[in-house]
Amino acid sequence: MAPDLTLQRVADLRRGIISTLADGKFHSGAVLAETFGLSRTAIWKQIHSLAAYGLEVYTVPGRGYRIAEPLELLDRNAIISALSDAWFKKHGTIEVNFETDSTNHRLMQRLPGADIHAQALMAEFQSAGRGRRGTTWVSPFASGIILSLGWRFESTPQAVAALSLAAGVAVADALSQSAGLVTRLKWPNDILCLGGKIGGILIESRGETTGPFNVVIGVGVNVGLSDGVIRAIRQPVTDVRRNASRDFTRNQLAADLIGSLASMLRRFERYGFKSFINSWRELDYFQGKEAELIFADRKVRGTVEGIDDNGLLIMDLQGKRQSFSHGELSLRLGV
């Protein structure tokens, strides 16, 4: 990195270079250098730094630089225009970041001093994306939808632990609406397509016993992962592009996810989880299957019988029916 480049300048440069390369065409180093006021050597260094974002850039002498696949970048105005949820269009806010550590973390940081109600925060890239149990959510630049939605309930809702299940139904609905995907749900917060993970949900909350209850619903959806990324992830994964039954845009999918989640939250606040139980059961991937439920210090094995009215997992363990709450659990198909 050239010593005269400030961190903000570097961020602006990377944003500009990626936006230029997003069309998937070749761009010469000379033209890029002139455009951004740098030497060709400095451009070369910036291009190579894009590997940290998971971007593959081809370098061809005499032709210049080209990313492996064109990118559809998120556009706040396009997302707002595509929103079908009239309530959110009127009352909500949408923020799109080029890069952040974690969209969930950024929204949670705003509490308690700021109101995060109906605030949607998105990013093209997360440097510290998180899943459940502290796992890392892998999503190269602009390859998915990284979305966090803040919401304030006036008091703690009933069956609030089942909120991640209701969110799963909302994400499944959005994927069907946008791309015609047929998805299933894995308790408590994974979205599957043809047995591969296509998305996940992470919910964080903060509230008082007798006061407002704030939640941040984090959603990650794989939109277009390279074959190399899929091979590197140590579990079966897939993406929207591989499974879509109709044309879609990334911005339309983002709008549908925001609208579906906002609609779900208003419905959850009014009716609770009971209005989502049947939908979740219809999408339950593990219903009737032999499975293993893994805890931090032990594991149990049995037949999954579904969920109860509060979203608890029900399993038959050698003839004994037991319920399990949300928490640090992991569900795997038995062998």
Protein backbone atom coordinates (compact mmCIF):
# COMPACT_ATOMS: atom_id res chain seq x y z
CA MET A 1 0.00 0.00 0.00
CA ALA A 2 1.36 3.43 -0.93
CA PRO A 3 2.22 5.39 2.24
CA ASP A 4 0.15 8.42 1.22
CA LEU A 5 -3.09 6.45 1.00
CA THR A 6 -5.30 6.88 4.05
CA LEU A 7 -7.58 4.05 5.17
CA GLN A 8 -10.60 5.95 3.84
CA ARG A 9 -8.85 6.51 0.51
CA VAL A 10 -8.04 2.81 0.27
CA ALA A 11 -11.66 1.92 1.00
CA ASP A 12 -12.88 4.38 -1.63
CA LEU A 13 -10.37 3.02 -4.15
CA ARG A 14 -11.44 -0.58 -3.61
CA ARG A 15 -15.08 0.41 -3.89
CA GLY A 16 -14.38 2.24 -7.13
CA ILE A 17 -12.23 -0.51 -8.63
CA ILE A 18 -14.75 -3.22 -7.78
CA SER A 19 -17.60 -1.11 -9.20
CA THR A 20 -15.60 -0.70 -12.42
CA LEU A 21 -14.77 -4.39 -12.70
CA ALA A 22 -18.33 -5.47 -11.81
CA ASP A 23 -19.33 -5.61 -15.50
CA GLY A 24 -17.09 -8.66 -15.97
CA LYS A 25 -15.18 -7.07 -18.87
CA PHE A 26 -11.46 -6.44 -19.21
CA HIS A 27 -10.17 -3.08 -18.00
CA SER A 28 -6.58 -2.05 -18.74
CA GLY A 29 -4.22 -1.11 -15.95
CA ALA A 30 -3.42 2.16 -17.76
CA VAL A 31 -7.07 3.24 -17.89
CA LEU A 32 -7.62 2.24 -14.25
CA ALA A 33 -4.50 4.16 -13.21
CA GLU A 34 -5.72 7.27 -15.00
CA THR A 35 -9.25 6.93 -13.66
CA PHE A 36 -8.16 6.63 -10.03
CA GLY A 37 -5.07 8.84 -10.13
CA LEU A 38 -2.57 6.13 -9.25
CA SER A 39 0.43 4.48 -10.81
CA ARG A 40 -0.07 1.17 -12.59
CA THR A 41 1.96 -0.50 -9.83
CA ALA A 42 -0.40 0.91 -7.20
CA ILE A 43 -3.39 -0.34 -9.23
CA TRP A 44 -1.78 -3.79 -9.43
CA LYS A 45 -1.41 -3.82 -5.63
CA GLN A 46 -5.04 -2.79 -5.14
CA ILE A 47 -6.23 -5.45 -7.58
CA HIS A 48 -4.33 -8.14 -5.69
CA SER A 49 -5.76 -6.93 -2.38
CA LEU A 50 -9.23 -7.88 -3.64
CA ALA A 51 -8.43 -11.53 -2.90
CA ALA A 52 -9.23 -10.70 0.75
CA TYR A 53 -12.84 -10.17 -0.36
CA GLY A 54 -12.98 -13.59 -1.98
CA LEU A 55 -12.92 -12.06 -5.47
CA GLU A 56 -11.07 -13.86 -8.25
CA VAL A 57 -9.48 -11.42 -10.69
CA TYR A 58 -7.90 -12.55 -13.95
CA THR A 59 -4.83 -10.68 -15.21
CA VAL A 60 -4.09 -10.96 -18.95
CA PRO A 61 -1.11 -9.07 -20.44
CA GLY A 62 -2.26 -6.61 -23.08
CA ARG A 63 -5.90 -6.81 -21.97
CA GLY A 64 -5.89 -5.88 -18.30
CA TYR A 65 -7.98 -7.11 -15.40
CA ARG A 66 -11.32 -8.91 -15.25
CA ILE A 67 -13.23 -10.52 -12.41
CA ALA A 68 -14.28 -14.13 -12.90
CA GLU A 69 -18.02 -13.39 -12.96
CA PRO A 70 -19.98 -10.13 -13.35
CA LEU A 71 -21.39 -8.71 -10.10
CA GLU A 72 -24.79 -7.22 -9.46
CA LEU A 73 -24.04 -4.74 -6.71
CA LEU A 74 -26.66 -3.81 -4.14
CA ASP A 75 -28.39 -0.51 -4.86
CA ARG A 76 -30.42 1.12 -2.10
CA ASN A 77 -32.72 2.96 -4.51
CA ALA A 78 -33.34 -0.20 -6.53
CA ILE A 79 -34.18 -2.14 -3.36
CA ILE A 80 -36.62 0.54 -2.17
CA SER A 81 -38.24 0.65 -5.60
CA ALA A 82 -38.64 -3.15 -5.60
CA LEU A 83 -40.19 -3.30 -2.11
CA SER A 84 -43.74 -4.63 -2.19
CA ASP A 85 -44.30 -4.16 1.56
CA ALA A 86 -46.03 -0.76 1.71
CA TRP A 87 -45.65 -0.50 5.50
CA PHE A 88 -41.88 -0.86 5.40
CA LYS A 89 -41.62 1.46 2.43
CA LYS A 90 -43.28 4.15 4.55
CA HIS A 91 -41.82 3.45 8.00
CA GLY A 92 -38.57 1.54 7.47
CA THR A 93 -35.04 2.53 6.53
CA ILE A 94 -32.48 0.72 4.38
CA GLU A 95 -28.73 1.16 4.61
CA VAL A 96 -26.26 -0.55 2.26
CA ASN A 97 -22.59 -0.74 3.26
CA PHE A 98 -19.69 -1.71 1.06
CA GLU A 99 -17.97 -3.54 3.93
CA THR A 100 -18.51 -4.03 7.65
CA ASP A 101 -17.42 -6.43 10.36
CA SER A 102 -20.93 -7.75 11.07
CA THR A 103 -24.29 -6.22 10.24
CA ASN A 104 -25.81 -7.74 13.38
CA HIS A 105 -23.02 -6.31 15.50
CA ARG A 106 -23.41 -2.86 13.96
CA LEU A 107 -27.15 -2.73 14.69
CA MET A 108 -26.75 -4.09 18.22
CA GLN A 109 -24.07 -1.46 18.88
CA ARG A 110 -26.65 1.27 18.32
CA LEU A 111 -28.58 0.14 21.39
CA PRO A 112 -29.67 1.44 23.79
CA GLY A 113 -29.06 4.99 22.61
CA ALA A 114 -30.73 4.73 19.19
CA ASP A 115 -33.97 3.34 17.86
CA ILE A 116 -33.30 0.40 15.53
CA HIS A 117 -36.96 -0.32 14.81
CA ALA A 118 -37.53 -1.26 11.15
CA GLN A 119 -33.89 -0.55 10.26
CA ALA A 120 -32.45 -2.82 7.56
CA LEU A 121 -28.67 -2.91 7.34
CA MET A 122 -26.95 -4.71 4.46
CA ALA A 123 -23.36 -5.16 3.36
CA GLU A 124 -21.59 -6.48 0.29
CA PHE A 125 -18.94 -8.06 2.52
CA GLN A 126 -18.51 -8.94 6.19
CA SER A 127 -15.06 -9.35 7.69
CA ALA A 128 -16.43 -11.02 10.83
CA GLY A 129 -19.74 -12.59 9.82
CA ARG A 130 -21.10 -14.95 12.44
CA GLY A 131 -23.31 -17.98 12.60
CA ARG A 132 -24.65 -19.84 15.61
CA ARG A 133 -22.20 -21.13 18.24
CA GLY A 134 -19.63 -18.55 17.15
CA THR A 135 -19.08 -20.13 13.73
CA THR A 136 -18.02 -17.99 10.77
CA TRP A 137 -20.46 -17.18 7.97
CA VAL A 138 -18.52 -17.42 4.69
CA SER A 139 -19.73 -15.07 1.97
CA PRO A 140 -17.33 -13.63 -0.61
CA PHE A 141 -17.98 -10.09 -1.83
CA ALA A 142 -21.43 -9.62 -3.41
CA SER A 143 -22.02 -13.39 -3.54
CA GLY A 144 -24.98 -13.40 -1.20
CA ILE A 145 -27.47 -11.34 0.75
CA ILE A 146 -26.13 -10.19 4.11
CA LEU A 147 -28.99 -8.54 5.94
CA SER A 148 -29.83 -7.53 9.49
CA LEU A 149 -33.22 -6.14 10.44
CA GLY A 150 -33.81 -4.38 13.73
CA TRP A 151 -37.19 -4.46 15.45
CA ARG A 152 -38.64 -3.15 18.70
CA PHE A 153 -41.44 -5.00 20.43
CA GLU A 154 -43.22 -2.96 23.11
CA SER A 155 -42.86 -5.95 25.44
CA THR A 156 -41.30 -9.39 25.22
CA PRO A 157 -43.51 -11.47 22.89
CA GLN A 158 -44.82 -14.86 23.89
CA ALA A 159 -42.79 -17.79 22.54
CA VAL A 160 -40.03 -15.35 21.59
CA ALA A 161 -37.59 -18.27 21.37
CA ALA A 162 -39.52 -19.40 18.29
CA LEU A 163 -38.84 -16.14 16.45
CA SER A 164 -36.00 -17.75 14.48
CA LEU A 165 -38.44 -20.40 13.23
CA ALA A 166 -40.91 -17.74 12.08
CA ALA A 167 -38.00 -15.94 10.39
CA GLY A 168 -37.16 -19.16 8.56
CA VAL A 169 -40.68 -19.29 7.15
CA ALA A 170 -40.35 -15.65 6.03
CA VAL A 171 -37.03 -16.33 4.27
CA ALA A 172 -38.45 -19.42 2.56
CA ASP A 173 -41.41 -17.35 1.34
CA ALA A 174 -39.09 -14.66 -0.05
CA LEU A 175 -36.94 -17.20 -1.90
CA SER A 176 -40.04 -18.71 -3.44
CA GLN A 177 -41.39 -15.31 -4.42
CA SER A 178 -38.15 -14.02 -5.95
CA ALA A 179 -36.59 -17.05 -7.60
CA GLY A 180 -39.21 -19.80 -7.47
CA LEU A 181 -37.10 -21.84 -5.05
CA VAL A 182 -38.50 -24.80 -3.17
CA THR A 183 -36.80 -24.79 0.21
CA ARG A 184 -37.06 -26.69 3.48
CA LEU A 185 -36.22 -25.73 7.05
CA LYS A 186 -33.85 -27.33 9.52
CA TRP A 187 -34.48 -26.63 13.21
CA PRO A 188 -33.82 -24.11 14.49
CA ASN A 189 -32.50 -21.67 11.90
CA ASP A 190 -31.18 -23.13 8.64
CA ILE A 191 -32.75 -22.88 5.19
CA LEU A 192 -32.05 -25.84 2.90
CA CYS A 193 -32.48 -26.52 -0.79
CA LEU A 194 -32.08 -30.06 -2.09
CA GLY A 195 -30.33 -30.94 1.18
CA GLY A 196 -27.72 -28.19 0.92
CA LYS A 197 -27.65 -25.12 3.15
CA ILE A 198 -28.70 -22.03 1.23
CA GLY A 199 -29.20 -19.66 4.15
CA GLY A 200 -29.09 -19.18 7.88
CA ILE A 201 -30.54 -16.97 10.60
CA LEU A 202 -28.91 -15.46 13.69
CA ILE A 203 -31.09 -13.58 16.18
CA GLU A 204 -29.75 -11.34 18.93
CA SER A 205 -31.86 -9.45 21.44
CA ARG A 206 -31.78 -6.94 24.25
CA GLY A 207 -34.65 -5.94 26.50
CA GLU A 208 -35.99 -5.32 29.96
CA THR A 209 -38.50 -7.46 31.82
CA THR A 210 -41.18 -4.78 31.75
CA GLY A 211 -40.04 -2.58 28.86
CA PRO A 212 -39.37 -2.65 25.14
CA PHE A 213 -37.72 -5.73 23.66
CA ASN A 214 -35.29 -5.12 20.78
CA VAL A 215 -34.24 -7.84 18.37
CA VAL A 216 -31.89 -7.97 15.42
CA ILE A 217 -32.62 -10.68 12.88
CA GLY A 218 -29.53 -11.52 10.86
CA VAL A 219 -30.06 -13.37 7.59
CA GLY A 220 -27.43 -14.76 5.25
CA VAL A 221 -28.44 -16.19 1.88
CA ASN A 222 -26.06 -17.70 -0.66
CA VAL A 223 -26.87 -16.15 -4.04
CA GLY A 224 -23.95 -17.10 -6.29
CA LEU A 225 -21.00 -19.04 -4.86
CA SER A 226 -18.13 -20.24 -6.99
CA ASP A 227 -17.38 -23.96 -7.25
CA GLY A 228 -14.17 -23.37 -5.30
CA VAL A 229 -15.99 -21.72 -2.38
CA ILE A 230 -18.56 -24.51 -2.25
CA ARG A 231 -15.80 -27.13 -2.16
CA ALA A 232 -14.01 -25.26 0.64
CA ILE A 233 -17.04 -25.17 2.96
CA ARG A 234 -17.14 -28.23 5.19
CA GLN A 235 -20.82 -28.98 4.85
CA PRO A 236 -23.28 -29.40 1.96
CA VAL A 237 -24.12 -25.91 0.64
CA THR A 238 -25.83 -24.50 -2.41
CA ASP A 239 -27.01 -21.14 -3.71
CA VAL A 240 -29.96 -19.42 -5.32
CA ARG A 241 -28.52 -19.27 -8.84
CA ARG A 242 -28.01 -23.02 -9.01
CA ASN A 243 -31.61 -23.70 -8.05
CA ALA A 244 -33.74 -20.79 -9.29
CA SER A 245 -36.65 -21.75 -11.53
CA ARG A 246 -37.02 -18.21 -12.90
CA ASP A 247 -34.94 -15.11 -13.48
CA PHE A 248 -34.29 -12.90 -10.47
CA THR A 249 -32.08 -10.00 -9.47
CA ARG A 250 -30.09 -9.67 -6.29
CA ASN A 251 -31.73 -6.34 -5.49
CA GLN A 252 -35.22 -7.80 -5.95
CA LEU A 253 -34.30 -10.70 -3.65
CA ALA A 254 -33.04 -8.23 -1.03
CA ALA A 255 -36.31 -6.29 -1.25
CA ASP A 256 -38.39 -9.46 -0.95
CA LEU A 257 -36.41 -10.63 2.09
CA ILE A 258 -36.84 -7.28 3.85
CA GLY A 259 -40.55 -7.15 3.06
CA SER A 260 -41.20 -10.75 4.10
CA LEU A 261 -39.31 -10.36 7.39
CA ALA A 262 -41.05 -7.07 8.23
CA SER A 263 -44.45 -8.61 7.50
CA MET A 264 -43.55 -11.63 9.64
CA LEU A 265 -42.53 -9.43 12.58
CA ARG A 266 -45.77 -7.44 12.53
CA ARG A 267 -47.73 -10.69 12.42
CA PHE A 268 -45.60 -12.27 15.17
CA GLU A 269 -46.17 -9.26 17.40
CA ARG A 270 -49.93 -9.55 16.97
CA TYR A 271 -50.52 -13.31 16.88
CA GLY A 272 -47.32 -14.93 18.14
CA PHE A 273 -45.77 -18.10 16.80
CA LYS A 274 -49.08 -19.92 16.50
CA SER A 275 -49.73 -18.27 13.14
CA PHE A 276 -46.51 -19.79 11.73
CA ILE A 277 -46.58 -23.31 13.21
CA ASN A 278 -48.36 -25.03 10.32
CA SER A 279 -46.17 -23.37 7.71
CA TRP A 280 -43.02 -24.38 9.56
CA ARG A 281 -44.20 -27.98 9.94
CA GLU A 282 -44.90 -28.19 6.22
CA LEU A 283 -41.31 -27.12 5.51
CA ASP A 284 -39.65 -29.30 8.19
CA TYR A 285 -36.84 -31.23 6.49
CA PHE A 286 -36.14 -33.56 9.43
CA GLN A 287 -39.70 -34.63 10.25
CA GLY A 288 -39.72 -38.41 10.79
CA LYS A 289 -35.98 -38.79 10.19
CA GLU A 290 -33.36 -40.39 12.40
CA ALA A 291 -31.13 -37.62 13.68
CA GLU A 292 -28.44 -36.67 16.16
CA LEU A 293 -28.79 -33.68 18.43
CA ILE A 294 -25.42 -32.38 19.57
CA PHE A 295 -24.81 -30.43 22.77
CA ALA A 296 -21.56 -28.90 24.01
CA ASP A 297 -20.80 -31.93 26.19
CA ARG A 298 -23.01 -34.71 24.86
CA LYS A 299 -25.21 -35.88 22.05
CA VAL A 300 -28.52 -37.69 21.79
CA ARG A 301 -29.93 -39.73 18.94
CA GLY A 302 -33.46 -40.54 17.96
CA THR A 303 -36.34 -39.80 15.62
CA VAL A 304 -37.40 -36.21 14.97
CA GLU A 305 -41.13 -35.80 15.57
CA GLY A 306 -41.29 -32.08 14.75
CA ILE A 307 -41.89 -29.05 16.96
CA ASP A 308 -44.38 -28.19 19.68
CA ASP A 309 -46.51 -25.05 19.88
CA ASN A 310 -43.59 -23.07 21.36
CA GLY A 311 -41.09 -24.13 18.71
CA LEU A 312 -39.31 -26.70 20.87
CA LEU A 313 -37.83 -29.68 19.04
CA ILE A 314 -39.54 -33.00 19.82
CA MET A 315 -37.60 -36.24 19.51
CA ASP A 316 -38.35 -39.85 20.25
CA LEU A 317 -35.36 -41.24 22.12
CA GLN A 318 -35.76 -45.02 22.25
CA GLY A 319 -39.47 -44.75 22.98
CA LYS A 320 -39.20 -41.75 25.28
CA ARG A 321 -40.56 -38.47 23.92
CA GLN A 322 -38.48 -35.42 24.86
CA SER A 323 -38.55 -31.72 24.01
CA PHE A 324 -35.47 -29.58 23.46
CA SER A 325 -35.26 -25.81 23.64
CA HIS A 326 -33.35 -23.43 21.42
CA GLY A 327 -29.77 -22.87 22.42
CA GLU A 328 -26.36 -24.19 21.52
CA LEU A 329 -27.62 -27.21 19.66
CA SER A 330 -26.73 -28.73 16.32
CA LEU A 331 -28.88 -31.11 14.35
CA ARG A 332 -27.33 -33.68 12.02
CA LEU A 333 -28.83 -36.55 10.12
CA GLY A 334 -28.02 -39.85 11.75
CA VAL A 335 -25.81 -42.28 9.87
